Each structure stands twice: as C-alpha cells, then as structure tokens.
N, C-alpha and C. Protein backbone atom coordinates (compact mmCIF):
# COMPACT_ATOMS: atom_id res chain seq x y z
N MET A 1 77.67 28.39 57.65
CA MET A 1 78.11 27.01 57.62
C MET A 1 77.53 26.34 56.37
N VAL A 2 78.28 25.35 55.89
CA VAL A 2 77.88 24.61 54.70
C VAL A 2 77.90 23.13 55.03
N LYS A 3 76.85 22.43 54.62
CA LYS A 3 76.81 20.98 54.78
C LYS A 3 76.93 20.35 53.40
N HIS A 4 77.94 19.50 53.26
CA HIS A 4 78.22 18.76 52.02
C HIS A 4 77.62 17.36 52.22
N ILE A 5 76.63 17.02 51.40
CA ILE A 5 75.91 15.76 51.56
C ILE A 5 76.14 14.92 50.31
N VAL A 6 76.54 13.68 50.52
CA VAL A 6 76.78 12.75 49.41
C VAL A 6 76.10 11.42 49.75
N MET A 7 75.48 10.82 48.74
CA MET A 7 74.88 9.49 48.91
C MET A 7 75.37 8.60 47.78
N TRP A 8 75.56 7.32 48.09
CA TRP A 8 76.04 6.37 47.09
C TRP A 8 75.20 5.11 47.09
N LYS A 9 75.10 4.51 45.91
CA LYS A 9 74.65 3.13 45.76
C LYS A 9 75.92 2.33 45.48
N ILE A 10 76.11 1.28 46.26
CA ILE A 10 77.35 0.51 46.22
C ILE A 10 77.12 -0.81 45.46
N LYS A 11 78.12 -1.22 44.69
CA LYS A 11 78.06 -2.49 43.97
C LYS A 11 77.90 -3.63 44.97
N ASP A 12 77.33 -4.73 44.50
CA ASP A 12 77.13 -5.90 45.36
C ASP A 12 78.44 -6.52 45.81
N GLY A 13 79.51 -6.23 45.15
CA GLY A 13 80.83 -6.72 45.53
C GLY A 13 81.84 -6.24 44.50
N GLU A 14 83.06 -6.10 44.90
CA GLU A 14 84.11 -5.64 43.98
C GLU A 14 85.39 -6.36 44.36
N GLY A 15 85.99 -7.02 43.38
CA GLY A 15 87.20 -7.77 43.67
C GLY A 15 86.90 -8.86 44.69
N ASN A 16 87.67 -8.90 45.74
CA ASN A 16 87.47 -9.92 46.77
C ASN A 16 86.71 -9.38 47.98
N MET A 17 86.07 -8.21 47.84
CA MET A 17 85.34 -7.60 48.95
C MET A 17 83.84 -7.75 48.77
N THR A 18 83.15 -8.06 49.85
CA THR A 18 81.69 -8.08 49.83
C THR A 18 81.18 -6.64 49.94
N LYS A 19 79.90 -6.46 49.67
CA LYS A 19 79.30 -5.13 49.80
C LYS A 19 79.46 -4.62 51.24
N ALA A 20 79.25 -5.48 52.21
CA ALA A 20 79.38 -5.07 53.62
C ALA A 20 80.81 -4.65 53.93
N GLU A 21 81.80 -5.36 53.41
CA GLU A 21 83.20 -5.00 53.63
C GLU A 21 83.55 -3.68 52.96
N ILE A 22 83.02 -3.48 51.76
CA ILE A 22 83.24 -2.21 51.05
C ILE A 22 82.69 -1.06 51.87
N MET A 23 81.46 -1.21 52.35
CA MET A 23 80.83 -0.12 53.10
C MET A 23 81.56 0.13 54.41
N ALA A 24 82.04 -0.90 55.07
CA ALA A 24 82.80 -0.73 56.32
C ALA A 24 84.11 0.03 56.05
N LYS A 25 84.77 -0.29 54.93
CA LYS A 25 86.00 0.41 54.56
C LYS A 25 85.71 1.89 54.28
N ILE A 26 84.64 2.17 53.57
CA ILE A 26 84.28 3.55 53.27
C ILE A 26 84.02 4.33 54.56
N VAL A 27 83.27 3.75 55.47
CA VAL A 27 83.00 4.42 56.74
C VAL A 27 84.30 4.70 57.49
N ALA A 28 85.17 3.72 57.58
CA ALA A 28 86.44 3.90 58.30
C ALA A 28 87.31 4.96 57.63
N ASP A 29 87.43 4.87 56.30
CA ASP A 29 88.30 5.81 55.57
C ASP A 29 87.78 7.23 55.65
N LEU A 30 86.47 7.41 55.52
CA LEU A 30 85.92 8.77 55.59
C LEU A 30 85.97 9.32 57.01
N THR A 31 85.72 8.49 58.00
CA THR A 31 85.79 8.93 59.39
C THR A 31 87.19 9.41 59.72
N ASP A 32 88.19 8.74 59.18
CA ASP A 32 89.59 9.10 59.40
C ASP A 32 89.92 10.50 58.86
N LEU A 33 89.19 10.94 57.85
CA LEU A 33 89.46 12.26 57.27
C LEU A 33 89.22 13.40 58.26
N LYS A 34 88.34 13.19 59.22
CA LYS A 34 88.03 14.25 60.19
C LYS A 34 89.29 14.71 60.94
N ASP A 35 90.20 13.78 61.19
CA ASP A 35 91.44 14.12 61.90
C ASP A 35 92.55 14.58 60.95
N ARG A 36 92.35 14.43 59.65
CA ARG A 36 93.39 14.74 58.67
C ARG A 36 93.17 16.05 57.91
N ILE A 37 91.91 16.49 57.86
CA ILE A 37 91.59 17.69 57.07
C ILE A 37 91.02 18.74 58.02
N PRO A 38 91.78 19.78 58.33
CA PRO A 38 91.36 20.75 59.35
C PRO A 38 90.10 21.53 59.00
N GLU A 39 89.76 21.63 57.73
CA GLU A 39 88.56 22.39 57.33
C GLU A 39 87.26 21.70 57.75
N ILE A 40 87.32 20.42 58.09
CA ILE A 40 86.12 19.68 58.50
C ILE A 40 85.73 20.09 59.91
N VAL A 41 84.50 20.58 60.07
CA VAL A 41 83.96 20.91 61.38
C VAL A 41 83.34 19.67 62.01
N ASP A 42 82.57 18.92 61.20
CA ASP A 42 81.92 17.70 61.68
C ASP A 42 81.74 16.77 60.48
N LEU A 43 81.74 15.48 60.76
CA LEU A 43 81.58 14.49 59.70
C LEU A 43 80.76 13.33 60.23
N GLU A 44 79.73 12.97 59.47
CA GLU A 44 78.89 11.82 59.80
C GLU A 44 78.77 10.96 58.55
N VAL A 45 78.94 9.66 58.70
CA VAL A 45 78.85 8.74 57.57
C VAL A 45 78.30 7.42 58.07
N GLY A 46 77.50 6.77 57.23
CA GLY A 46 77.00 5.46 57.62
C GLY A 46 76.16 4.82 56.54
N ALA A 47 75.82 3.57 56.80
CA ALA A 47 74.97 2.80 55.90
C ALA A 47 73.51 3.14 56.19
N SER A 48 72.70 3.10 55.15
CA SER A 48 71.27 3.36 55.30
C SER A 48 70.62 2.27 56.14
N LEU A 49 69.71 2.66 56.99
CA LEU A 49 68.97 1.71 57.82
C LEU A 49 67.76 1.15 57.09
N THR A 50 67.40 1.76 55.96
CA THR A 50 66.24 1.33 55.18
C THR A 50 66.66 1.07 53.75
N GLY A 51 65.82 0.44 52.99
CA GLY A 51 66.14 0.12 51.60
C GLY A 51 64.95 0.34 50.70
N GLY A 52 65.16 0.11 49.43
CA GLY A 52 64.10 0.27 48.44
C GLY A 52 64.65 0.94 47.20
N ASP A 53 63.84 1.00 46.18
CA ASP A 53 64.27 1.54 44.89
C ASP A 53 64.79 2.97 44.98
N MET A 54 64.22 3.78 45.84
CA MET A 54 64.61 5.19 45.91
C MET A 54 65.70 5.44 46.95
N HIS A 55 66.12 4.42 47.65
CA HIS A 55 67.12 4.58 48.71
C HIS A 55 68.54 4.38 48.19
N TYR A 56 69.45 5.08 48.80
CA TYR A 56 70.87 4.89 48.57
C TYR A 56 71.42 4.01 49.69
N ASP A 57 72.54 3.35 49.45
CA ASP A 57 73.11 2.44 50.44
C ASP A 57 73.83 3.16 51.58
N MET A 58 74.43 4.32 51.27
CA MET A 58 75.24 5.04 52.25
C MET A 58 75.04 6.54 52.08
N ALA A 59 75.35 7.26 53.15
CA ALA A 59 75.31 8.72 53.09
C ALA A 59 76.44 9.31 53.92
N LEU A 60 76.89 10.48 53.48
CA LEU A 60 77.93 11.26 54.15
C LEU A 60 77.43 12.68 54.31
N ALA A 61 77.60 13.24 55.48
CA ALA A 61 77.30 14.65 55.72
C ALA A 61 78.50 15.28 56.41
N VAL A 62 79.12 16.25 55.74
CA VAL A 62 80.29 16.93 56.28
C VAL A 62 79.96 18.41 56.43
N THR A 63 80.25 18.95 57.59
CA THR A 63 80.00 20.36 57.86
C THR A 63 81.30 21.15 57.74
N PHE A 64 81.21 22.27 57.03
CA PHE A 64 82.34 23.19 56.84
C PHE A 64 81.91 24.60 57.23
N ARG A 65 82.86 25.44 57.53
CA ARG A 65 82.55 26.83 57.86
C ARG A 65 82.14 27.64 56.62
N ARG A 66 82.80 27.36 55.47
CA ARG A 66 82.56 28.14 54.25
C ARG A 66 82.54 27.20 53.05
N LEU A 67 81.94 27.67 51.97
CA LEU A 67 81.90 26.89 50.74
C LEU A 67 83.31 26.65 50.21
N ASP A 68 84.20 27.62 50.37
CA ASP A 68 85.59 27.44 49.92
C ASP A 68 86.26 26.23 50.60
N ASP A 69 85.87 25.95 51.84
CA ASP A 69 86.44 24.81 52.56
C ASP A 69 86.05 23.48 51.91
N VAL A 70 84.87 23.44 51.28
CA VAL A 70 84.46 22.24 50.56
C VAL A 70 85.43 21.97 49.42
N MET A 71 85.85 23.02 48.73
CA MET A 71 86.77 22.86 47.62
C MET A 71 88.16 22.40 48.10
N VAL A 72 88.61 22.92 49.24
CA VAL A 72 89.88 22.48 49.83
C VAL A 72 89.79 20.98 50.15
N TYR A 73 88.70 20.59 50.78
CA TYR A 73 88.44 19.18 51.12
C TYR A 73 88.44 18.31 49.86
N ALA A 74 87.76 18.75 48.83
CA ALA A 74 87.64 17.97 47.60
C ALA A 74 88.99 17.70 46.96
N GLN A 75 89.93 18.63 47.12
CA GLN A 75 91.24 18.50 46.47
C GLN A 75 92.31 17.93 47.40
N HIS A 76 91.98 17.74 48.66
CA HIS A 76 92.96 17.23 49.62
C HIS A 76 93.36 15.80 49.21
N PRO A 77 94.66 15.50 49.20
CA PRO A 77 95.13 14.17 48.75
C PRO A 77 94.49 13.00 49.49
N ASP A 78 94.25 13.15 50.80
CA ASP A 78 93.63 12.06 51.56
C ASP A 78 92.19 11.83 51.11
N HIS A 79 91.47 12.91 50.82
CA HIS A 79 90.10 12.78 50.32
C HIS A 79 90.10 12.19 48.92
N VAL A 80 91.01 12.64 48.08
CA VAL A 80 91.07 12.12 46.70
C VAL A 80 91.28 10.61 46.72
N LYS A 81 92.13 10.12 47.60
CA LYS A 81 92.38 8.67 47.69
C LYS A 81 91.09 7.91 48.03
N VAL A 82 90.34 8.41 49.02
CA VAL A 82 89.08 7.76 49.40
C VAL A 82 88.07 7.87 48.26
N SER A 83 87.99 9.05 47.68
CA SER A 83 87.05 9.28 46.58
C SER A 83 87.33 8.37 45.39
N ASP A 84 88.60 8.15 45.08
CA ASP A 84 88.97 7.26 43.97
C ASP A 84 88.51 5.83 44.24
N PHE A 85 88.65 5.39 45.49
CA PHE A 85 88.17 4.04 45.84
C PHE A 85 86.66 3.96 45.68
N ILE A 86 85.95 4.95 46.21
CA ILE A 86 84.49 4.93 46.14
C ILE A 86 84.02 4.93 44.68
N ALA A 87 84.70 5.67 43.82
CA ALA A 87 84.33 5.71 42.40
C ALA A 87 84.37 4.32 41.78
N LYS A 88 85.24 3.46 42.26
CA LYS A 88 85.37 2.10 41.71
C LYS A 88 84.28 1.17 42.20
N VAL A 89 83.68 1.48 43.36
CA VAL A 89 82.73 0.55 43.98
C VAL A 89 81.29 1.05 43.99
N ARG A 90 81.04 2.20 43.43
CA ARG A 90 79.68 2.73 43.44
C ARG A 90 79.04 2.57 42.07
N THR A 91 77.72 2.53 42.10
CA THR A 91 76.97 2.52 40.84
C THR A 91 76.28 3.86 40.61
N ASP A 92 76.08 4.61 41.66
CA ASP A 92 75.38 5.89 41.55
C ASP A 92 75.80 6.79 42.71
N ARG A 93 75.68 8.11 42.46
CA ARG A 93 76.05 9.08 43.50
C ARG A 93 75.15 10.30 43.36
N ALA A 94 74.81 10.90 44.49
CA ALA A 94 74.08 12.16 44.52
C ALA A 94 74.80 13.09 45.49
N VAL A 95 74.90 14.38 45.13
CA VAL A 95 75.63 15.34 45.95
C VAL A 95 74.82 16.63 46.07
N ALA A 96 74.85 17.23 47.26
CA ALA A 96 74.26 18.55 47.47
C ALA A 96 75.11 19.28 48.50
N ASP A 97 75.31 20.58 48.29
CA ASP A 97 75.97 21.46 49.24
C ASP A 97 74.94 22.50 49.65
N ILE A 98 74.59 22.51 50.94
CA ILE A 98 73.54 23.42 51.40
C ILE A 98 74.05 24.31 52.52
N GLU A 99 73.45 25.49 52.61
CA GLU A 99 73.78 26.40 53.69
C GLU A 99 72.97 26.02 54.91
N VAL A 100 73.66 25.94 56.06
CA VAL A 100 72.95 25.57 57.31
C VAL A 100 73.25 26.60 58.38
C-alpha cells in the first residue's frame, strides 16, 4: 500500500472567497474524489487543528494499493480540476508518497 500525503498553506483569501471558504471547498472537492476515482482505497482531508510558522493549513492523505495508482489519480480529470483550483489558492505545498 502507498500513502500519498500532501500539505498546503492557503492564501488569506482569493477573489471573493475567504480562507475558510477556500478550505471548505477544498475539503468538499477532494472528499468527492473518493467516489469518482476507483484507485482510491481511502482518503482523509482536513484543516490543521494547530498553527505556527512550521504548520501547514491543510493536509490530505490518500491510500492506494500501488504506486502506479498514484499516477492514475494524478492524471484523472476530476483530480486535475481540483488540483488546478488549489494551485491558485495556495502559497506552499509539500508532498510525500510512502509505503505503508
């Protein structure tokens, strides 16, 4: 099994959306992917409960059976749409794929 972990720092606001609204949209959009992309075994996403200079605002952990499934997920049109939105509203991102 492979766990794909992503963390983001989110802008204080973008367009007419507040930071809280942006984060709620990200959670909803990513959660929806679990039913749309069959390679996903499990998906957890949420806002950080703590803060500080070293903390990220949000984190995503997606479990896949194989590393190849991560690549299928990354290229899936529904994921690309969510990823494109996040790219517009984030200031920083960290990613790790680990064997579990």
